[in-house]
């Protein structure tokens, strides 16, 4: 497993949107999925996750609905909205541009 790392500003929203693109999940399951797909590099605590979910919900990019978990607990499951899908596509384009630019800068010989 990789060493945990600080998440870059703006990256958490992208990770949440991408995670919800795969289907509805409740908060802890979102954090668990991010940890899983990043192989432990990003560990998202509740102090970061829940304010981000609230912010994304206020922007209309995700919607939450109270439901029951597999363990019969009351949880809020989040889904990606249509505008959230459009935002995710935009965020992916932006990320690819930043990634390409950073790779160029880091590969530059001194």
PDB file of N, CA and C in Angstrom:
ATOM      1  N   UNK A   1       0.840  -1.174   0.000  1.00  0.00           N
ATOM      2  CA  UNK A   1       0.000   0.000   0.000  1.00  0.00           C
ATOM      3  C   UNK A   1       0.888   1.240   0.000  1.00  0.00           C
ATOM      4  N   UNK A   2       0.483   2.254  -0.763  1.00  0.00           N
ATOM      5  CA  UNK A   2       1.230   3.497  -0.846  1.00  0.00           C
ATOM      6  C   UNK A   2       1.063   4.314   0.431  1.00  0.00           C
ATOM      7  N   UNK A   3       1.989   5.218   0.627  1.00  0.00           N
ATOM      8  CA  UNK A   3       1.946   6.104   1.786  1.00  0.00           C
ATOM      9  C   UNK A   3       0.842   7.148   1.598  1.00  0.00           C
ATOM     10  N   UNK A   4      -0.001   7.402   2.622  1.00  0.00           N
ATOM     11  CA  UNK A   4      -1.029   8.439   2.490  1.00  0.00           C
ATOM     12  C   UNK A   4      -0.415   9.793   2.156  1.00  0.00           C
ATOM     13  N   UNK A   5      -1.149  10.580   1.389  1.00  0.00           N
ATOM     14  CA  UNK A   5      -0.666  11.892   0.957  1.00  0.00           C
ATOM     15  C   UNK A   5      -1.758  12.937   1.157  1.00  0.00           C
ATOM     16  N   UNK A   6      -1.327  14.183   1.256  1.00  0.00           N
ATOM     17  CA  UNK A   6      -2.289  15.276   1.309  1.00  0.00           C
ATOM     18  C   UNK A   6      -2.963  15.393  -0.045  1.00  0.00           C
ATOM     19  N   UNK A   7      -4.240  15.682  -0.019  1.00  0.00           N
ATOM     20  CA  UNK A   7      -4.991  15.828  -1.261  1.00  0.00           C
ATOM     21  C   UNK A   7      -4.833  17.262  -1.757  1.00  0.00           C
ATOM     22  N   UNK A   8      -4.640  17.420  -3.044  1.00  0.00           N
ATOM     23  CA  UNK A   8      -4.475  18.747  -3.627  1.00  0.00           C
ATOM     24  C   UNK A   8      -5.789  19.508  -3.584  1.00  0.00           C
ATOM     25  N   UNK A   9      -5.737  20.834  -3.402  1.00  0.00           N
ATOM     26  CA  UNK A   9      -6.974  21.627  -3.402  1.00  0.00           C
ATOM     27  C   UNK A   9      -7.768  21.391  -4.685  1.00  0.00           C
ATOM     28  N   UNK A  10      -9.080  21.196  -4.534  1.00  0.00           N
ATOM     29  CA  UNK A  10      -9.947  20.975  -5.678  1.00  0.00           C
ATOM     30  C   UNK A  10     -10.051  19.527  -6.109  1.00  0.00           C
ATOM     31  N   UNK A  11      -9.139  18.694  -5.639  1.00  0.00           N
ATOM     32  CA  UNK A  11      -9.115  17.294  -6.061  1.00  0.00           C
ATOM     33  C   UNK A  11     -10.213  16.475  -5.389  1.00  0.00           C
ATOM     34  N   UNK A  12     -10.566  16.815  -4.174  1.00  0.00           N
ATOM     35  CA  UNK A  12     -11.578  16.039  -3.451  1.00  0.00           C
ATOM     36  C   UNK A  12     -12.912  16.061  -4.190  1.00  0.00           C
ATOM     37  N   UNK A  13     -13.330  17.221  -4.676  1.00  0.00           N
ATOM     38  CA  UNK A  13     -14.590  17.302  -5.412  1.00  0.00           C
ATOM     39  C   UNK A  13     -14.556  16.388  -6.631  1.00  0.00           C
ATOM     40  N   UNK A  14     -13.457  16.420  -7.360  1.00  0.00           N
ATOM     41  CA  UNK A  14     -13.303  15.573  -8.533  1.00  0.00           C
ATOM     42  C   UNK A  14     -13.388  14.094  -8.155  1.00  0.00           C
ATOM     43  N   UNK A  15     -12.722  13.709  -7.092  1.00  0.00           N
ATOM     44  CA  UNK A  15     -12.749  12.312  -6.647  1.00  0.00           C
ATOM     45  C   UNK A  15     -14.152  11.870  -6.227  1.00  0.00           C
ATOM     46  N   UNK A  16     -14.866  12.735  -5.542  1.00  0.00           N
ATOM     47  CA  UNK A  16     -16.233  12.402  -5.119  1.00  0.00           C
ATOM     48  C   UNK A  16     -17.141  12.263  -6.332  1.00  0.00           C
ATOM     49  N   UNK A  17     -17.079  13.232  -7.238  1.00  0.00           N
ATOM     50  CA  UNK A  17     -17.917  13.165  -8.441  1.00  0.00           C
ATOM     51  C   UNK A  17     -17.621  11.901  -9.236  1.00  0.00           C
ATOM     52  N   UNK A  18     -16.352  11.587  -9.401  1.00  0.00           N
ATOM     53  CA  UNK A  18     -15.965  10.391 -10.156  1.00  0.00           C
ATOM     54  C   UNK A  18     -16.457   9.124  -9.453  1.00  0.00           C
ATOM     55  N   UNK A  19     -16.350   9.086  -8.147  1.00  0.00           N
ATOM     56  CA  UNK A  19     -16.805   7.927  -7.388  1.00  0.00           C
ATOM     57  C   UNK A  19     -18.312   7.737  -7.553  1.00  0.00           C
ATOM     58  N   UNK A  20     -19.065   8.822  -7.512  1.00  0.00           N
ATOM     59  CA  UNK A  20     -20.518   8.718  -7.646  1.00  0.00           C
ATOM     60  C   UNK A  20     -20.961   8.450  -9.077  1.00  0.00           C
ATOM     61  N   UNK A  21     -20.069   8.667 -10.030  1.00  0.00           N
ATOM     62  CA  UNK A  21     -20.382   8.333 -11.420  1.00  0.00           C
ATOM     63  C   UNK A  21     -20.650   6.825 -11.550  1.00  0.00           C
ATOM     64  N   UNK A  22     -20.049   6.051 -10.689  1.00  0.00           N
ATOM     65  CA  UNK A  22     -20.187   4.598 -10.724  1.00  0.00           C
ATOM     66  C   UNK A  22     -21.484   4.114 -10.088  1.00  0.00           C
ATOM     67  N   UNK A  23     -22.149   4.979  -9.324  1.00  0.00           N
ATOM     68  CA  UNK A  23     -23.408   4.620  -8.681  1.00  0.00           C
ATOM     69  C   UNK A  23     -23.544   5.277  -7.326  1.00  0.00           C
ATOM     70  N   UNK A  24     -24.763   5.257  -6.755  1.00  0.00           N
ATOM     71  CA  UNK A  24     -25.001   5.908  -5.465  1.00  0.00           C
ATOM     72  C   UNK A  24     -24.250   5.226  -4.325  1.00  0.00           C
ATOM     73  N   UNK A  25     -23.765   6.057  -3.408  1.00  0.00           N
ATOM     74  CA  UNK A  25     -23.071   5.566  -2.212  1.00  0.00           C
ATOM     75  C   UNK A  25     -23.329   6.511  -1.048  1.00  0.00           C
ATOM     76  N   UNK A  26     -23.223   5.998   0.163  1.00  0.00           N
ATOM     77  CA  UNK A  26     -23.292   6.862   1.348  1.00  0.00           C
ATOM     78  C   UNK A  26     -21.882   7.363   1.670  1.00  0.00           C
ATOM     79  N   UNK A  27     -21.793   8.343   2.557  1.00  0.00           N
ATOM     80  CA  UNK A  27     -20.544   9.032   2.837  1.00  0.00           C
ATOM     81  C   UNK A  27     -19.350   8.140   3.132  1.00  0.00           C
ATOM     82  N   UNK A  28     -19.487   7.249   4.099  1.00  0.00           N
ATOM     83  CA  UNK A  28     -18.360   6.395   4.472  1.00  0.00           C
ATOM     84  C   UNK A  28     -17.951   5.498   3.302  1.00  0.00           C
ATOM     85  N   UNK A  29     -18.929   5.025   2.534  1.00  0.00           N
ATOM     86  CA  UNK A  29     -18.622   4.183   1.377  1.00  0.00           C
ATOM     87  C   UNK A  29     -17.864   4.982   0.311  1.00  0.00           C
ATOM     88  N   UNK A  30     -18.158   6.271   0.189  1.00  0.00           N
ATOM     89  CA  UNK A  30     -17.425   7.128  -0.752  1.00  0.00           C
ATOM     90  C   UNK A  30     -15.965   7.211  -0.327  1.00  0.00           C
ATOM     91  N   UNK A  31     -15.735   7.495   0.957  1.00  0.00           N
ATOM     92  CA  UNK A  31     -14.365   7.585   1.474  1.00  0.00           C
ATOM     93  C   UNK A  31     -13.634   6.260   1.317  1.00  0.00           C
ATOM     94  N   UNK A  32     -14.322   5.164   1.608  1.00  0.00           N
ATOM     95  CA  UNK A  32     -13.710   3.836   1.465  1.00  0.00           C
ATOM     96  C   UNK A  32     -13.337   3.554   0.018  1.00  0.00           C
ATOM     97  N   UNK A  33     -14.215   3.922  -0.905  1.00  0.00           N
ATOM     98  CA  UNK A  33     -13.954   3.675  -2.332  1.00  0.00           C
ATOM     99  C   UNK A  33     -12.764   4.506  -2.809  1.00  0.00           C
ATOM    100  N   UNK A  34     -12.675   5.758  -2.387  1.00  0.00           N
ATOM    101  CA  UNK A  34     -11.536   6.606  -2.766  1.00  0.00           C
ATOM    102  C   UNK A  34     -10.241   6.006  -2.228  1.00  0.00           C
ATOM    103  N   UNK A  35     -10.268   5.567  -0.980  1.00  0.00           N
ATOM    104  CA  UNK A  35      -9.080   4.932  -0.406  1.00  0.00           C
ATOM    105  C   UNK A  35      -8.702   3.685  -1.201  1.00  0.00           C
ATOM    106  N   UNK A  36      -9.705   2.899  -1.584  1.00  0.00           N
ATOM    107  CA  UNK A  36      -9.461   1.665  -2.330  1.00  0.00           C
ATOM    108  C   UNK A  36      -8.854   1.950  -3.703  1.00  0.00           C
ATOM    109  N   UNK A  37      -9.473   2.836  -4.485  1.00  0.00           N
ATOM    110  CA  UNK A  37      -8.993   3.060  -5.851  1.00  0.00           C
ATOM    111  C   UNK A  37      -7.662   3.798  -5.893  1.00  0.00           C
ATOM    112  N   UNK A  38      -7.340   4.557  -4.848  1.00  0.00           N
ATOM    113  CA  UNK A  38      -6.049   5.246  -4.804  1.00  0.00           C
ATOM    114  C   UNK A  38      -5.005   4.419  -4.057  1.00  0.00           C
ATOM    115  N   UNK A  39      -5.382   3.197  -3.719  1.00  0.00           N
ATOM    116  CA  UNK A  39      -4.500   2.271  -3.003  1.00  0.00           C
ATOM    117  C   UNK A  39      -3.924   2.884  -1.726  1.00  0.00           C
ATOM    118  N   UNK A  40      -4.793   3.583  -1.013  1.00  0.00           N
ATOM    119  CA  UNK A  40      -4.422   4.131   0.282  1.00  0.00           C
ATOM    120  C   UNK A  40      -3.685   5.448   0.251  1.00  0.00           C
ATOM    121  N   UNK A  41      -3.516   6.045  -0.923  1.00  0.00           N
ATOM    122  CA  UNK A  41      -2.813   7.324  -0.997  1.00  0.00           C
ATOM    123  C   UNK A  41      -3.690   8.446  -0.447  1.00  0.00           C
ATOM    124  N   UNK A  42      -4.995   8.396  -0.733  1.00  0.00           N
ATOM    125  CA  UNK A  42      -5.906   9.426  -0.225  1.00  0.00           C
ATOM    126  C   UNK A  42      -6.837   8.814   0.808  1.00  0.00           C
ATOM    127  N   UNK A  43      -6.678   9.262   2.050  1.00  0.00           N
ATOM    128  CA  UNK A  43      -7.546   8.867   3.152  1.00  0.00           C
ATOM    129  C   UNK A  43      -8.391  10.083   3.503  1.00  0.00           C
ATOM    130  N   UNK A  44      -9.689  10.002   3.237  1.00  0.00           N
ATOM    131  CA  UNK A  44     -10.577  11.142   3.421  1.00  0.00           C
ATOM    132  C   UNK A  44     -11.322  10.990   4.738  1.00  0.00           C
ATOM    133  N   UNK A  45     -11.064  11.895   5.651  1.00  0.00           N
ATOM    134  CA  UNK A  45     -11.733  11.870   6.946  1.00  0.00           C
ATOM    135  C   UNK A  45     -13.066  12.588   6.889  1.00  0.00           C
ATOM    136  N   UNK A  46     -13.904  12.375   7.900  1.00  0.00           N
ATOM    137  CA  UNK A  46     -15.228  12.998   7.918  1.00  0.00           C
ATOM    138  C   UNK A  46     -15.182  14.525   7.932  1.00  0.00           C
ATOM    139  N   UNK A  47     -14.131  15.095   8.512  1.00  0.00           N
ATOM    140  CA  UNK A  47     -14.003  16.551   8.562  1.00  0.00           C
ATOM    141  C   UNK A  47     -13.781  17.185   7.199  1.00  0.00           C
ATOM    142  N   UNK A  48     -13.323  16.416   6.249  1.00  0.00           N
ATOM    143  CA  UNK A  48     -13.168  16.876   4.874  1.00  0.00           C
ATOM    144  C   UNK A  48     -14.317  16.401   3.995  1.00  0.00           C
ATOM    145  N   UNK A  49     -14.720  15.143   4.200  1.00  0.00           N
ATOM    146  CA  UNK A  49     -15.723  14.530   3.329  1.00  0.00           C
ATOM    147  C   UNK A  49     -17.087  15.189   3.444  1.00  0.00           C
ATOM    148  N   UNK A  50     -17.619  15.310   4.648  1.00  0.00           N
ATOM    149  CA  UNK A  50     -18.993  15.776   4.791  1.00  0.00           C
ATOM    150  C   UNK A  50     -19.183  17.242   4.404  1.00  0.00           C
ATOM    151  N   UNK A  51     -18.237  18.137   4.699  1.00  0.00           N
ATOM    152  CA  UNK A  51     -18.384  19.498   4.149  1.00  0.00           C
ATOM    153  C   UNK A  51     -18.343  19.505   2.610  1.00  0.00           C
ATOM    154  N   UNK A  52     -17.521  18.636   2.012  1.00  0.00           N
ATOM    155  CA  UNK A  52     -17.454  18.556   0.549  1.00  0.00           C
ATOM    156  C   UNK A  52     -18.783  18.046  -0.010  1.00  0.00           C
ATOM    157  N   UNK A  53     -19.359  17.028   0.609  1.00  0.00           N
ATOM    158  CA  UNK A  53     -20.652  16.520   0.153  1.00  0.00           C
ATOM    159  C   UNK A  53     -21.724  17.597   0.254  1.00  0.00           C
ATOM    160  N   UNK A  54     -21.703  18.337   1.328  1.00  0.00           N
ATOM    161  CA  UNK A  54     -22.673  19.428   1.512  1.00  0.00           C
ATOM    162  C   UNK A  54     -22.482  20.493   0.418  1.00  0.00           C
ATOM    163  N   UNK A  55     -21.244  20.866   0.160  1.00  0.00           N
ATOM    164  CA  UNK A  55     -20.928  21.874  -0.865  1.00  0.00           C
ATOM    165  C   UNK A  55     -21.379  21.408  -2.258  1.00  0.00           C
ATOM    166  N   UNK A  56     -21.080  20.153  -2.593  1.00  0.00           N
ATOM    167  CA  UNK A  56     -21.469  19.612  -3.899  1.00  0.00           C
ATOM    168  C   UNK A  56     -22.984  19.520  -4.031  1.00  0.00           C
ATOM    169  N   UNK A  57     -23.652  19.217  -2.935  1.00  0.00           N
ATOM    170  CA  UNK A  57     -25.111  19.160  -2.928  1.00  0.00           C
ATOM    171  C   UNK A  57     -25.704  20.558  -3.136  1.00  0.00           C
ATOM    172  N   UNK A  58     -25.136  21.557  -2.461  1.00  0.00           N
ATOM    173  CA  UNK A  58     -25.612  22.943  -2.623  1.00  0.00           C
ATOM    174  C   UNK A  58     -25.439  23.432  -4.059  1.00  0.00           C
ATOM    175  N   UNK A  59     -24.392  22.968  -4.741  1.00  0.00           N
ATOM    176  CA  UNK A  59     -24.162  23.353  -6.131  1.00  0.00           C
ATOM    177  C   UNK A  59     -25.065  22.594  -7.096  1.00  0.00           C
ATOM    178  N   UNK A  60     -25.766  21.583  -6.582  1.00  0.00           N
ATOM    179  CA  UNK A  60     -26.668  20.793  -7.408  1.00  0.00           C
ATOM    180  C   UNK A  60     -25.977  19.702  -8.208  1.00  0.00           C
ATOM    181  N   UNK A  61     -24.734  19.392  -7.863  1.00  0.00           N
ATOM    182  CA  UNK A  61     -23.970  18.381  -8.583  1.00  0.00           C
ATOM    183  C   UNK A  61     -24.222  16.975  -8.065  1.00  0.00           C
ATOM    184  N   UNK A  62     -24.666  16.878  -6.819  1.00  0.00           N
ATOM    185  CA  UNK A  62     -25.048  15.588  -6.242  1.00  0.00           C
ATOM    186  C   UNK A  62     -26.362  15.787  -5.497  1.00  0.00           C
ATOM    187  N   UNK A  63     -27.077  14.691  -5.288  1.00  0.00           N
ATOM    188  CA  UNK A  63     -28.311  14.729  -4.498  1.00  0.00           C
ATOM    189  C   UNK A  63     -28.234  13.619  -3.462  1.00  0.00           C
ATOM    190  N   UNK A  64     -28.705  13.932  -2.263  1.00  0.00           N
ATOM    191  CA  UNK A  64     -28.693  12.945  -1.189  1.00  0.00           C
ATOM    192  C   UNK A  64     -30.098  12.524  -0.814  1.00  0.00           C
ATOM    193  N   UNK A  65     -30.228  11.250  -0.477  1.00  0.00           N
ATOM    194  CA  UNK A  65     -31.520  10.715  -0.060  1.00  0.00           C
ATOM    195  C   UNK A  65     -31.302   9.747   1.094  1.00  0.00           C
ATOM    196  N   UNK A  66     -32.107   9.912   2.148  1.00  0.00           N
ATOM    197  CA  UNK A  66     -31.982   9.021   3.297  1.00  0.00           C
ATOM    198  C   UNK A  66     -32.484   7.630   2.931  1.00  0.00           C
ATOM    199  N   UNK A  67     -31.716   6.637   3.335  1.00  0.00           N
ATOM    200  CA  UNK A  67     -32.030   5.245   3.034  1.00  0.00           C
ATOM    201  C   UNK A  67     -31.470   4.375   4.151  1.00  0.00           C
ATOM    202  N   UNK A  68     -31.578   3.079   3.980  1.00  0.00           N
ATOM    203  CA  UNK A  68     -31.064   2.135   4.975  1.00  0.00           C
ATOM    204  C   UNK A  68     -29.862   1.396   4.403  1.00  0.00           C
ATOM    205  N   UNK A  69     -28.802   1.289   5.191  1.00  0.00           N
ATOM    206  CA  UNK A  69     -27.598   0.588   4.748  1.00  0.00           C
ATOM    207  C   UNK A  69     -27.800  -0.918   4.817  1.00  0.00           C
ATOM    208  N   UNK A  70     -26.788  -1.645   4.329  1.00  0.00           N
ATOM    209  CA  UNK A  70     -26.814  -3.107   4.384  1.00  0.00           C
ATOM    210  C   UNK A  70     -26.908  -3.599   5.824  1.00  0.00           C
ATOM    211  N   UNK A  71     -26.382  -2.791   6.751  1.00  0.00           N
ATOM    212  CA  UNK A  71     -26.404  -3.166   8.169  1.00  0.00           C
ATOM    213  C   UNK A  71     -27.614  -2.582   8.896  1.00  0.00           C
ATOM    214  N   UNK A  72     -28.594  -2.123   8.106  1.00  0.00           N
ATOM    215  CA  UNK A  72     -29.867  -1.594   8.642  1.00  0.00           C
ATOM    216  C   UNK A  72     -29.719  -0.277   9.390  1.00  0.00           C
ATOM    217  N   UNK A  73     -28.656   0.464   9.062  1.00  0.00           N
ATOM    218  CA  UNK A  73     -28.489   1.795   9.648  1.00  0.00           C
ATOM    219  C   UNK A  73     -29.035   2.833   8.685  1.00  0.00           C
ATOM    220  N   UNK A  74     -29.519   3.935   9.226  1.00  0.00           N
ATOM    221  CA  UNK A  74     -30.022   5.033   8.400  1.00  0.00           C
ATOM    222  C   UNK A  74     -28.819   5.822   7.880  1.00  0.00           C
ATOM    223  N   UNK A  75     -28.701   5.920   6.551  1.00  0.00           N
ATOM    224  CA  UNK A  75     -27.586   6.623   5.921  1.00  0.00           C
ATOM    225  C   UNK A  75     -28.126   7.486   4.780  1.00  0.00           C
ATOM    226  N   UNK A  76     -27.354   8.483   4.419  1.00  0.00           N
ATOM    227  CA  UNK A  76     -27.719   9.328   3.283  1.00  0.00           C
ATOM    228  C   UNK A  76     -26.906   8.859   2.084  1.00  0.00           C
ATOM    229  N   UNK A  77     -27.600   8.366   1.066  1.00  0.00           N
ATOM    230  CA  UNK A  77     -26.946   7.908  -0.157  1.00  0.00           C
ATOM    231  C   UNK A  77     -26.933   9.061  -1.154  1.00  0.00           C
ATOM    232  N   UNK A  78     -25.793   9.262  -1.777  1.00  0.00           N
ATOM    233  CA  UNK A  78     -25.621  10.359  -2.723  1.00  0.00           C
ATOM    234  C   UNK A  78     -25.562   9.824  -4.144  1.00  0.00           C
ATOM    235  N   UNK A  79     -26.155  10.582  -5.065  1.00  0.00           N
ATOM    236  CA  UNK A  79     -26.118  10.250  -6.488  1.00  0.00           C
ATOM    237  C   UNK A  79     -25.634  11.473  -7.264  1.00  0.00           C
ATOM    238  N   UNK A  80     -25.071  11.215  -8.404  1.00  0.00           N
ATOM    239  CA  UNK A  80     -24.605  12.271  -9.300  1.00  0.00           C
ATOM    240  C   UNK A  80     -25.805  12.779 -10.100  1.00  0.00           C
ATOM    241  N   UNK A  81     -25.969  14.092 -10.181  1.00  0.00           N
ATOM    242  CA  UNK A  81     -27.056  14.689 -10.954  1.00  0.00           C
ATOM    243  C   UNK A  81     -26.580  14.942 -12.391  1.00  0.00           C
ATOM    244  N   UNK A  82     -27.488  15.368 -13.242  1.00  0.00           N
ATOM    245  CA  UNK A  82     -27.125  15.711 -14.615  1.00  0.00           C
ATOM    246  C   UNK A  82     -26.092  16.820 -14.667  1.00  0.00           C
ATOM    247  N   UNK A  83     -26.293  17.859 -13.863  1.00  0.00           N
ATOM    248  CA  UNK A  83     -25.302  18.943 -13.846  1.00  0.00           C
ATOM    249  C   UNK A  83     -23.995  18.476 -13.217  1.00  0.00           C
ATOM    250  N   UNK A  84     -24.077  17.488 -12.329  1.00  0.00           N
ATOM    251  CA  UNK A  84     -22.864  16.902 -11.750  1.00  0.00           C
ATOM    252  C   UNK A  84     -22.071  16.139 -12.795  1.00  0.00           C
ATOM    253  N   UNK A  85     -22.774  15.454 -13.686  1.00  0.00           N
ATOM    254  CA  UNK A  85     -22.092  14.746 -14.783  1.00  0.00           C
ATOM    255  C   UNK A  85     -21.383  15.740 -15.704  1.00  0.00           C
ATOM    256  N   UNK A  86     -22.047  16.846 -15.996  1.00  0.00           N
ATOM    257  CA  UNK A  86     -21.424  17.877 -16.840  1.00  0.00           C
ATOM    258  C   UNK A  86     -20.215  18.475 -16.137  1.00  0.00           C
ATOM    259  N   UNK A  87     -20.322  18.721 -14.835  1.00  0.00           N
ATOM    260  CA  UNK A  87     -19.201  19.266 -14.071  1.00  0.00           C
ATOM    261  C   UNK A  87     -18.045  18.279 -14.019  1.00  0.00           C
ATOM    262  N   UNK A  88     -18.359  16.998 -13.861  1.00  0.00           N
ATOM    263  CA  UNK A  88     -17.324  15.975 -13.840  1.00  0.00           C
ATOM    264  C   UNK A  88     -16.567  15.959 -15.162  1.00  0.00           C
ATOM    265  N   UNK A  89     -17.270  16.059 -16.267  1.00  0.00           N
ATOM    266  CA  UNK A  89     -16.606  16.087 -17.578  1.00  0.00           C
ATOM    267  C   UNK A  89     -15.669  17.291 -17.677  1.00  0.00           C
ATOM    268  N   UNK A  90     -16.124  18.431 -17.185  1.00  0.00           N
ATOM    269  CA  UNK A  90     -15.285  19.638 -17.187  1.00  0.00           C
ATOM    270  C   UNK A  90     -14.073  19.467 -16.286  1.00  0.00           C
ATOM    271  N   UNK A  91     -14.283  18.922 -15.097  1.00  0.00           N
ATOM    272  CA  UNK A  91     -13.190  18.700 -14.154  1.00  0.00           C
ATOM    273  C   UNK A  91     -12.159  17.722 -14.715  1.00  0.00           C
ATOM    274  N   UNK A  92     -12.621  16.696 -15.419  1.00  0.00           N
ATOM    275  CA  UNK A  92     -11.698  15.737 -16.036  1.00  0.00           C
ATOM    276  C   UNK A  92     -10.835  16.428 -17.092  1.00  0.00           C
ATOM    277  N   UNK A  93     -11.455  17.279 -17.921  1.00  0.00           N
ATOM    278  CA  UNK A  93     -10.691  18.027 -18.938  1.00  0.00           C
ATOM    279  C   UNK A  93      -9.647  18.920 -18.275  1.00  0.00           C
ATOM    280  N   UNK A  94     -10.064  19.636 -17.240  1.00  0.00           N
ATOM    281  CA  UNK A  94      -9.133  20.515 -16.532  1.00  0.00           C
ATOM    282  C   UNK A  94      -7.983  19.717 -15.922  1.00  0.00           C
ATOM    283  N   UNK A  95      -8.309  18.578 -15.302  1.00  0.00           N
ATOM    284  CA  UNK A  95      -7.282  17.768 -14.662  1.00  0.00           C
ATOM    285  C   UNK A  95      -6.269  17.260 -15.687  1.00  0.00           C
ATOM    286  N   UNK A  96      -6.747  16.824 -16.846  1.00  0.00           N
ATOM    287  CA  UNK A  96      -5.841  16.339 -17.893  1.00  0.00           C
ATOM    288  C   UNK A  96      -4.896  17.446 -18.346  1.00  0.00           C
ATOM    289  N   UNK A  97      -5.395  18.677 -18.453  1.00  0.00           N
ATOM    290  CA  UNK A  97      -4.540  19.806 -18.829  1.00  0.00           C
ATOM    291  C   UNK A  97      -3.477  20.076 -17.766  1.00  0.00           C
ATOM    292  N   UNK A  98      -3.878  20.067 -16.504  1.00  0.00           N
ATOM    293  CA  UNK A  98      -2.930  20.296 -15.407  1.00  0.00           C
ATOM    294  C   UNK A  98      -1.900  19.164 -15.363  1.00  0.00           C
ATOM    295  N   UNK A  99      -2.357  17.936 -15.491  1.00  0.00           N
ATOM    296  CA  UNK A  99      -1.475  16.767 -15.470  1.00  0.00           C
ATOM    297  C   UNK A  99      -0.432  16.855 -16.592  1.00  0.00           C
ATOM    298  N   UNK A 100      -0.880  17.177 -17.786  1.00  0.00           N
ATOM    299  CA  UNK A 100       0.024  17.293 -18.930  1.00  0.00           C
ATOM    300  C   UNK A 100       1.038  18.404 -18.703  1.00  0.00           C
ATOM    301  N   UNK A 101       0.577  19.551 -18.236  1.00  0.00           N
ATOM    302  CA  UNK A 101       1.471  20.689 -17.994  1.00  0.00           C
ATOM    303  C   UNK A 101       2.505  20.362 -16.915  1.00  0.00           C
ATOM    304  N   UNK A 102       2.069  19.703 -15.830  1.00  0.00           N
ATOM    305  CA  UNK A 102       2.996  19.352 -14.756  1.00  0.00           C
ATOM    306  C   UNK A 102       4.023  18.334 -15.241  1.00  0.00           C
ATOM    307  N   UNK A 103       3.598  17.371 -16.023  1.00  0.00           N
ATOM    308  CA  UNK A 103       4.551  16.393 -16.569  1.00  0.00           C
ATOM    309  C   UNK A 103       5.585  17.071 -17.447  1.00  0.00           C
ATOM    310  N   UNK A 104       5.155  18.022 -18.250  1.00  0.00           N
ATOM    311  CA  UNK A 104       6.100  18.765 -19.090  1.00  0.00           C
ATOM    312  C   UNK A 104       7.101  19.531 -18.229  1.00  0.00           C
ATOM    313  N   UNK A 105       6.577  20.197 -17.206  1.00  0.00           N
ATOM    314  CA  UNK A 105       7.438  20.997 -16.342  1.00  0.00           C
ATOM    315  C   UNK A 105       8.438  20.129 -15.583  1.00  0.00           C
ATOM    316  N   UNK A 106       7.998  18.984 -15.123  1.00  0.00           N
ATOM    317  CA  UNK A 106       8.875  18.103 -14.347  1.00  0.00           C
ATOM    318  C   UNK A 106       9.884  17.365 -15.243  1.00  0.00           C
ATOM    319  N   UNK A 107       9.539  17.182 -16.481  1.00  0.00           N
ATOM    320  CA  UNK A 107      10.449  16.498 -17.409  1.00  0.00           C
ATOM    321  C   UNK A 107      11.484  17.438 -18.017  1.00  0.00           C
ATOM    322  N   UNK A 108      11.265  18.725 -17.864  1.00  0.00           N
ATOM    323  CA  UNK A 108      12.148  19.746 -18.427  1.00  0.00           C
ATOM    324  C   UNK A 108      13.547  19.598 -17.842  1.00  0.00           C
ATOM    325  N   UNK A 109      14.543  19.543 -18.701  1.00  0.00           N
ATOM    326  CA  UNK A 109      15.949  19.472 -18.270  1.00  0.00           C
ATOM    327  C   UNK A 109      16.426  20.844 -17.812  1.00  0.00           C
ATOM    328  N   UNK A 110      17.219  20.862 -16.770  1.00  0.00           N
ATOM    329  CA  UNK A 110      17.753  22.153 -16.267  1.00  0.00           C
ATOM    330  C   UNK A 110      18.971  22.579 -17.042  1.00  0.00           C
TER     331      UNK A 110
END
